[in-house]
N, C-alpha and C. Protein backbone atom coordinates (compact mmCIF):
# COMPACT_ATOMS: atom_id res chain seq x y z
N MET A 1 26.07 -9.73 -9.66
CA MET A 1 24.69 -9.43 -9.45
C MET A 1 24.44 -9.02 -7.99
N ALA A 2 23.71 -7.96 -7.81
CA ALA A 2 23.46 -7.43 -6.43
C ALA A 2 22.48 -8.31 -5.73
N SER A 3 22.67 -8.49 -4.42
CA SER A 3 21.74 -9.29 -3.64
C SER A 3 20.60 -8.37 -3.15
N MET A 4 19.54 -9.02 -2.63
CA MET A 4 18.41 -8.26 -2.04
C MET A 4 18.86 -7.38 -0.91
N LYS A 5 19.83 -7.88 -0.13
CA LYS A 5 20.32 -7.15 0.98
C LYS A 5 20.99 -5.84 0.48
N ASP A 6 21.71 -5.92 -0.64
CA ASP A 6 22.33 -4.71 -1.19
C ASP A 6 21.25 -3.67 -1.58
N GLY A 7 20.16 -4.15 -2.20
CA GLY A 7 19.10 -3.25 -2.56
C GLY A 7 18.49 -2.54 -1.32
N ARG A 8 18.31 -3.31 -0.28
CA ARG A 8 17.77 -2.72 0.96
C ARG A 8 18.69 -1.63 1.49
N ALA A 9 19.99 -1.91 1.47
CA ALA A 9 20.95 -0.92 1.99
C ALA A 9 20.90 0.35 1.12
N ASP A 10 20.76 0.19 -0.19
CA ASP A 10 20.63 1.34 -1.07
C ASP A 10 19.38 2.16 -0.78
N ARG A 11 18.24 1.47 -0.51
CA ARG A 11 16.99 2.14 -0.23
C ARG A 11 17.14 2.90 1.13
N LEU A 12 17.73 2.25 2.13
CA LEU A 12 17.87 2.94 3.42
C LEU A 12 18.78 4.16 3.30
N GLU A 13 19.84 4.08 2.48
CA GLU A 13 20.70 5.23 2.28
C GLU A 13 19.94 6.38 1.62
N LEU A 14 19.14 6.02 0.63
CA LEU A 14 18.32 7.03 -0.10
C LEU A 14 17.32 7.65 0.86
N ILE A 15 16.66 6.88 1.68
CA ILE A 15 15.70 7.40 2.67
C ILE A 15 16.43 8.37 3.65
N GLN A 16 17.58 8.01 4.06
CA GLN A 16 18.37 8.90 4.98
C GLN A 16 18.71 10.20 4.29
N LYS A 17 19.05 10.13 3.04
CA LYS A 17 19.36 11.40 2.31
C LYS A 17 18.11 12.28 2.21
N ILE A 18 16.97 11.68 1.90
CA ILE A 18 15.75 12.42 1.79
C ILE A 18 15.36 13.00 3.17
N ALA A 19 15.55 12.26 4.21
CA ALA A 19 15.23 12.73 5.58
C ALA A 19 16.10 13.94 5.91
N ALA A 20 17.38 13.91 5.52
CA ALA A 20 18.28 15.03 5.80
C ALA A 20 17.79 16.32 5.11
N ILE A 21 17.33 16.14 3.87
CA ILE A 21 16.83 17.31 3.10
C ILE A 21 15.48 17.77 3.67
N ALA A 22 14.64 16.84 4.03
CA ALA A 22 13.30 17.15 4.50
C ALA A 22 13.26 17.71 5.95
N GLY A 23 14.31 17.41 6.68
CA GLY A 23 14.39 17.96 8.05
C GLY A 23 13.66 17.11 9.10
N GLY A 24 13.47 15.86 8.83
CA GLY A 24 12.83 14.98 9.81
C GLY A 24 12.84 13.55 9.33
N PRO A 25 12.49 12.65 10.23
CA PRO A 25 12.46 11.26 9.86
C PRO A 25 11.42 10.99 8.78
N ILE A 26 11.65 9.97 7.96
CA ILE A 26 10.75 9.61 6.87
C ILE A 26 10.04 8.30 7.21
N LEU A 27 8.75 8.27 7.09
CA LEU A 27 7.95 7.04 7.13
C LEU A 27 7.48 6.77 5.70
N VAL A 28 7.87 5.66 5.15
CA VAL A 28 7.54 5.32 3.78
C VAL A 28 6.26 4.50 3.78
N TYR A 29 5.29 4.91 2.99
CA TYR A 29 4.04 4.17 2.78
C TYR A 29 3.82 4.04 1.29
N PHE A 30 4.03 2.85 0.78
CA PHE A 30 4.05 2.56 -0.64
C PHE A 30 3.11 1.37 -0.86
N THR A 31 2.02 1.62 -1.63
CA THR A 31 1.10 0.51 -1.91
C THR A 31 1.20 0.17 -3.39
N ALA A 32 0.90 -1.05 -3.73
CA ALA A 32 0.98 -1.51 -5.11
C ALA A 32 -0.11 -0.88 -5.95
N ASP A 33 0.15 -0.67 -7.23
CA ASP A 33 -0.92 -0.16 -8.10
C ASP A 33 -1.23 -1.10 -9.21
N SER A 34 -0.75 -2.31 -9.11
CA SER A 34 -1.08 -3.35 -10.09
C SER A 34 -2.40 -4.02 -9.76
N PRO A 35 -3.25 -4.21 -10.75
CA PRO A 35 -4.51 -4.93 -10.43
C PRO A 35 -4.30 -6.36 -10.01
N ILE A 36 -3.17 -6.92 -10.39
CA ILE A 36 -2.86 -8.29 -10.01
C ILE A 36 -2.51 -8.38 -8.54
N VAL A 37 -1.68 -7.48 -8.08
CA VAL A 37 -1.26 -7.45 -6.65
C VAL A 37 -2.34 -6.86 -5.77
N GLY A 38 -2.87 -5.76 -6.17
CA GLY A 38 -4.02 -5.16 -5.50
C GLY A 38 -3.81 -4.53 -4.13
N GLY A 39 -2.66 -3.93 -3.86
CA GLY A 39 -2.46 -3.25 -2.58
C GLY A 39 -3.09 -1.89 -2.56
N ARG A 40 -3.87 -1.62 -1.55
CA ARG A 40 -4.53 -0.34 -1.39
C ARG A 40 -4.50 0.12 0.01
N ILE A 41 -4.72 1.39 0.29
CA ILE A 41 -4.84 1.91 1.67
C ILE A 41 -6.05 1.26 2.26
N GLY A 42 -5.90 0.66 3.42
CA GLY A 42 -7.01 -0.01 4.04
C GLY A 42 -6.91 -0.01 5.57
N GLU A 43 -7.83 -0.64 6.20
CA GLU A 43 -7.93 -0.69 7.65
C GLU A 43 -6.69 -1.35 8.31
N ASP A 44 -5.96 -2.14 7.55
CA ASP A 44 -4.78 -2.82 8.06
C ASP A 44 -3.56 -1.93 8.12
N ALA A 45 -3.62 -0.70 7.59
CA ALA A 45 -2.47 0.17 7.51
C ALA A 45 -2.04 0.83 8.84
N PRO A 46 -2.98 1.34 9.66
CA PRO A 46 -2.56 2.07 10.82
C PRO A 46 -1.73 1.30 11.85
N LEU A 47 -2.01 0.05 12.05
CA LEU A 47 -1.30 -0.71 13.12
C LEU A 47 0.20 -0.85 12.85
N PRO A 48 0.62 -1.32 11.66
CA PRO A 48 2.05 -1.38 11.39
C PRO A 48 2.74 0.00 11.40
N MET A 49 1.97 1.01 10.91
CA MET A 49 2.51 2.41 10.97
C MET A 49 2.79 2.82 12.44
N PHE A 50 1.81 2.50 13.28
CA PHE A 50 1.94 2.82 14.71
C PHE A 50 3.18 2.16 15.31
N ASP A 51 3.45 0.92 14.96
CA ASP A 51 4.63 0.23 15.45
C ASP A 51 5.93 0.98 15.05
N HIS A 52 5.97 1.47 13.79
CA HIS A 52 7.15 2.24 13.36
C HIS A 52 7.23 3.56 14.05
N LEU A 53 6.08 4.23 14.23
CA LEU A 53 6.08 5.53 14.88
C LEU A 53 6.53 5.45 16.35
N ARG A 54 6.17 4.36 17.03
CA ARG A 54 6.67 4.19 18.40
C ARG A 54 8.17 4.07 18.44
N VAL A 55 8.76 3.46 17.43
CA VAL A 55 10.22 3.36 17.39
C VAL A 55 10.83 4.74 17.12
N ILE A 56 10.25 5.45 16.17
CA ILE A 56 10.75 6.79 15.79
C ILE A 56 10.58 7.78 16.96
N GLY A 57 9.43 7.70 17.64
CA GLY A 57 9.14 8.59 18.77
C GLY A 57 8.69 9.97 18.32
N LYS A 58 8.30 10.79 19.29
CA LYS A 58 7.80 12.13 18.97
C LYS A 58 8.94 12.98 18.36
N GLN A 59 8.61 13.63 17.26
CA GLN A 59 9.59 14.42 16.50
C GLN A 59 9.04 15.85 16.23
N PRO A 60 9.89 16.84 16.08
CA PRO A 60 9.39 18.15 15.68
C PRO A 60 8.74 18.12 14.28
N ARG A 61 9.39 17.35 13.37
CA ARG A 61 8.84 17.21 12.01
C ARG A 61 8.89 15.70 11.60
N LEU A 62 7.82 15.27 11.01
CA LEU A 62 7.76 13.94 10.46
C LEU A 62 7.30 14.03 9.00
N CYS A 63 7.97 13.23 8.14
CA CYS A 63 7.64 13.27 6.72
C CYS A 63 7.13 11.87 6.28
N LEU A 64 6.01 11.86 5.59
CA LEU A 64 5.43 10.65 5.07
C LEU A 64 5.76 10.67 3.57
N TYR A 65 6.47 9.60 3.13
CA TYR A 65 6.76 9.41 1.72
C TYR A 65 5.64 8.50 1.21
N LEU A 66 4.80 9.03 0.30
CA LEU A 66 3.54 8.37 -0.05
C LEU A 66 3.42 8.10 -1.52
N TYR A 67 3.14 6.86 -1.84
CA TYR A 67 2.88 6.43 -3.22
C TYR A 67 1.70 5.43 -3.13
N SER A 68 0.59 5.81 -3.69
CA SER A 68 -0.59 4.94 -3.63
C SER A 68 -1.64 5.37 -4.63
N PRO A 69 -2.35 4.34 -5.22
CA PRO A 69 -3.50 4.69 -6.08
C PRO A 69 -4.75 4.95 -5.26
N GLY A 70 -4.69 4.79 -3.94
CA GLY A 70 -5.84 5.08 -3.15
C GLY A 70 -6.29 3.91 -2.26
N GLY A 71 -7.56 3.92 -1.88
CA GLY A 71 -8.05 2.86 -1.03
C GLY A 71 -9.31 3.27 -0.31
N GLN A 72 -9.48 2.71 0.87
CA GLN A 72 -10.65 2.96 1.69
C GLN A 72 -10.69 4.40 2.16
N MET A 73 -11.82 5.05 2.00
CA MET A 73 -11.91 6.49 2.29
C MET A 73 -12.00 6.80 3.77
N GLU A 74 -12.28 5.81 4.62
CA GLU A 74 -12.31 6.11 6.07
C GLU A 74 -10.97 6.03 6.72
N THR A 75 -9.99 5.51 6.05
CA THR A 75 -8.66 5.28 6.66
C THR A 75 -7.78 6.52 6.71
N PRO A 76 -7.75 7.40 5.73
CA PRO A 76 -6.83 8.55 5.79
C PRO A 76 -6.96 9.38 7.09
N TRP A 77 -8.18 9.62 7.51
CA TRP A 77 -8.40 10.42 8.75
C TRP A 77 -7.73 9.73 9.95
N LYS A 78 -7.84 8.44 10.03
CA LYS A 78 -7.22 7.70 11.13
C LYS A 78 -5.70 7.81 11.05
N ILE A 79 -5.13 7.67 9.86
CA ILE A 79 -3.68 7.76 9.70
C ILE A 79 -3.17 9.14 10.02
N VAL A 80 -3.81 10.18 9.50
CA VAL A 80 -3.36 11.55 9.76
C VAL A 80 -3.41 11.85 11.26
N ASN A 81 -4.48 11.48 11.94
CA ASN A 81 -4.62 11.73 13.35
C ASN A 81 -3.48 10.98 14.13
N MET A 82 -3.22 9.78 13.73
CA MET A 82 -2.15 9.03 14.39
C MET A 82 -0.80 9.67 14.16
N LEU A 83 -0.49 10.02 12.90
CA LEU A 83 0.79 10.66 12.59
C LEU A 83 1.01 11.93 13.40
N ARG A 84 -0.06 12.72 13.53
CA ARG A 84 0.03 13.98 14.26
C ARG A 84 0.32 13.81 15.73
N GLN A 85 0.03 12.65 16.31
CA GLN A 85 0.39 12.35 17.69
C GLN A 85 1.89 12.24 17.89
N PHE A 86 2.63 12.05 16.76
CA PHE A 86 4.05 11.81 16.87
C PHE A 86 4.90 12.97 16.30
N CYS A 87 4.25 14.12 16.00
CA CYS A 87 5.03 15.26 15.49
C CYS A 87 4.30 16.56 15.71
N ASP A 88 5.04 17.62 15.58
CA ASP A 88 4.47 18.98 15.62
C ASP A 88 4.14 19.47 14.24
N ASP A 89 4.93 19.01 13.24
CA ASP A 89 4.78 19.47 11.85
C ASP A 89 4.80 18.24 10.98
N LEU A 90 3.79 18.04 10.22
CA LEU A 90 3.62 16.84 9.38
C LEU A 90 3.71 17.20 7.89
N HIS A 91 4.64 16.63 7.21
CA HIS A 91 4.79 16.85 5.76
C HIS A 91 4.55 15.54 5.03
N VAL A 92 4.16 15.64 3.78
CA VAL A 92 4.08 14.47 2.91
C VAL A 92 4.88 14.73 1.63
N ILE A 93 5.58 13.69 1.22
CA ILE A 93 6.35 13.74 -0.03
C ILE A 93 5.68 12.80 -1.03
N VAL A 94 5.26 13.35 -2.14
CA VAL A 94 4.57 12.56 -3.19
C VAL A 94 5.49 12.50 -4.40
N PRO A 95 6.12 11.33 -4.62
CA PRO A 95 7.04 11.23 -5.75
C PRO A 95 6.31 11.08 -7.10
N TYR A 96 5.13 10.43 -7.07
CA TYR A 96 4.44 10.20 -8.33
C TYR A 96 2.90 10.19 -8.14
N LYS A 97 2.33 9.10 -7.60
CA LYS A 97 0.86 9.02 -7.47
C LYS A 97 0.45 9.07 -6.02
N ALA A 98 -0.58 9.83 -5.80
CA ALA A 98 -1.32 9.82 -4.51
C ALA A 98 -2.78 10.09 -4.84
N TYR A 99 -3.50 9.09 -5.24
CA TYR A 99 -4.88 9.27 -5.68
C TYR A 99 -5.86 8.87 -4.58
N SER A 100 -7.06 9.38 -4.69
CA SER A 100 -8.19 8.96 -3.89
C SER A 100 -7.89 9.09 -2.37
N ALA A 101 -7.90 8.01 -1.66
CA ALA A 101 -7.62 8.07 -0.20
C ALA A 101 -6.25 8.65 0.07
N ALA A 102 -5.28 8.43 -0.82
CA ALA A 102 -3.91 8.96 -0.62
C ALA A 102 -3.94 10.48 -0.78
N THR A 103 -4.79 11.03 -1.66
CA THR A 103 -4.95 12.48 -1.77
C THR A 103 -5.50 13.04 -0.47
N MET A 104 -6.49 12.35 0.07
CA MET A 104 -7.10 12.81 1.33
C MET A 104 -6.05 12.82 2.43
N LEU A 105 -5.22 11.77 2.43
CA LEU A 105 -4.14 11.72 3.43
C LEU A 105 -3.21 12.90 3.26
N ALA A 106 -2.82 13.16 2.04
CA ALA A 106 -1.90 14.27 1.73
C ALA A 106 -2.45 15.65 2.19
N ILE A 107 -3.73 15.87 1.91
CA ILE A 107 -4.26 17.22 2.22
C ILE A 107 -4.48 17.37 3.75
N GLY A 108 -4.36 16.30 4.51
CA GLY A 108 -4.40 16.40 5.97
C GLY A 108 -3.10 16.77 6.61
N THR A 109 -2.04 17.01 5.80
CA THR A 109 -0.72 17.32 6.36
C THR A 109 -0.55 18.83 6.33
N ASP A 110 0.54 19.30 6.92
CA ASP A 110 0.88 20.72 6.97
C ASP A 110 1.55 21.21 5.66
N LYS A 111 2.23 20.28 4.97
CA LYS A 111 2.89 20.69 3.76
C LYS A 111 2.97 19.50 2.83
N ILE A 112 2.69 19.74 1.54
CA ILE A 112 2.73 18.72 0.54
C ILE A 112 3.93 19.06 -0.40
N LEU A 113 4.88 18.12 -0.49
CA LEU A 113 6.05 18.26 -1.37
C LEU A 113 5.85 17.30 -2.52
N MET A 114 5.89 17.81 -3.76
CA MET A 114 5.66 16.95 -4.91
C MET A 114 6.74 17.10 -5.94
N THR A 115 7.05 16.01 -6.66
CA THR A 115 8.00 16.11 -7.75
C THR A 115 7.22 16.70 -8.94
N ARG A 116 7.92 16.98 -10.03
CA ARG A 116 7.29 17.56 -11.22
C ARG A 116 6.29 16.55 -11.85
N LYS A 117 6.48 15.27 -11.59
CA LYS A 117 5.60 14.26 -12.17
C LYS A 117 4.52 13.83 -11.22
N ALA A 118 4.50 14.31 -9.98
CA ALA A 118 3.53 13.89 -8.97
C ALA A 118 2.13 14.29 -9.31
N GLU A 119 1.18 13.46 -8.89
CA GLU A 119 -0.25 13.73 -9.14
C GLU A 119 -1.05 13.46 -7.90
N LEU A 120 -2.05 14.33 -7.65
CA LEU A 120 -3.10 14.11 -6.62
C LEU A 120 -4.39 14.06 -7.39
N GLY A 121 -5.41 13.43 -6.78
CA GLY A 121 -6.69 13.46 -7.43
C GLY A 121 -7.44 12.17 -7.21
N ALA A 122 -8.52 12.00 -8.00
CA ALA A 122 -9.35 10.82 -7.95
C ALA A 122 -8.63 9.62 -8.53
N MET A 123 -9.01 8.43 -8.10
CA MET A 123 -8.41 7.22 -8.63
C MET A 123 -8.84 7.07 -10.05
N LEU A 124 -7.88 6.80 -10.89
CA LEU A 124 -8.14 6.62 -12.32
C LEU A 124 -8.43 5.13 -12.60
N LEU A 125 -9.59 4.88 -13.05
CA LEU A 125 -9.98 3.50 -13.38
C LEU A 125 -9.91 3.24 -14.87
N THR A 126 -9.41 2.11 -15.23
CA THR A 126 -9.40 1.70 -16.63
C THR A 126 -10.25 0.51 -16.78
N LEU A 127 -11.09 0.50 -17.83
CA LEU A 127 -11.93 -0.66 -18.08
C LEU A 127 -11.30 -1.48 -19.21
N ALA A 128 -11.20 -2.78 -18.99
CA ALA A 128 -10.60 -3.60 -20.01
C ALA A 128 -11.66 -4.29 -20.85
């Protein structure tokens, strides 16, 4: 059985491969889309991102790997402005979902890279 540490090493290796293809460092921003967990883009997002960006430093190209059902609508502008302080060219990679505030974040970049299954748009709400 693989340990948690092994899973982390696998994720880091995959991120490095994506970065090599994308032509710049990758900042991963992944929020939960389960109603039980309830992770969304919010005011608490920019500060930890800023800490990572300070370690990465100014780059010619920076790529944001984004998966999120959305969140607070005032936050994407703050995140995009902050990311642009650390790069000349800002790309976003959307593997699957980037709804609502995540869509706004994506359209604030220079280039949006999406998989065949990726979706942008309004947050989809389901009523139980």
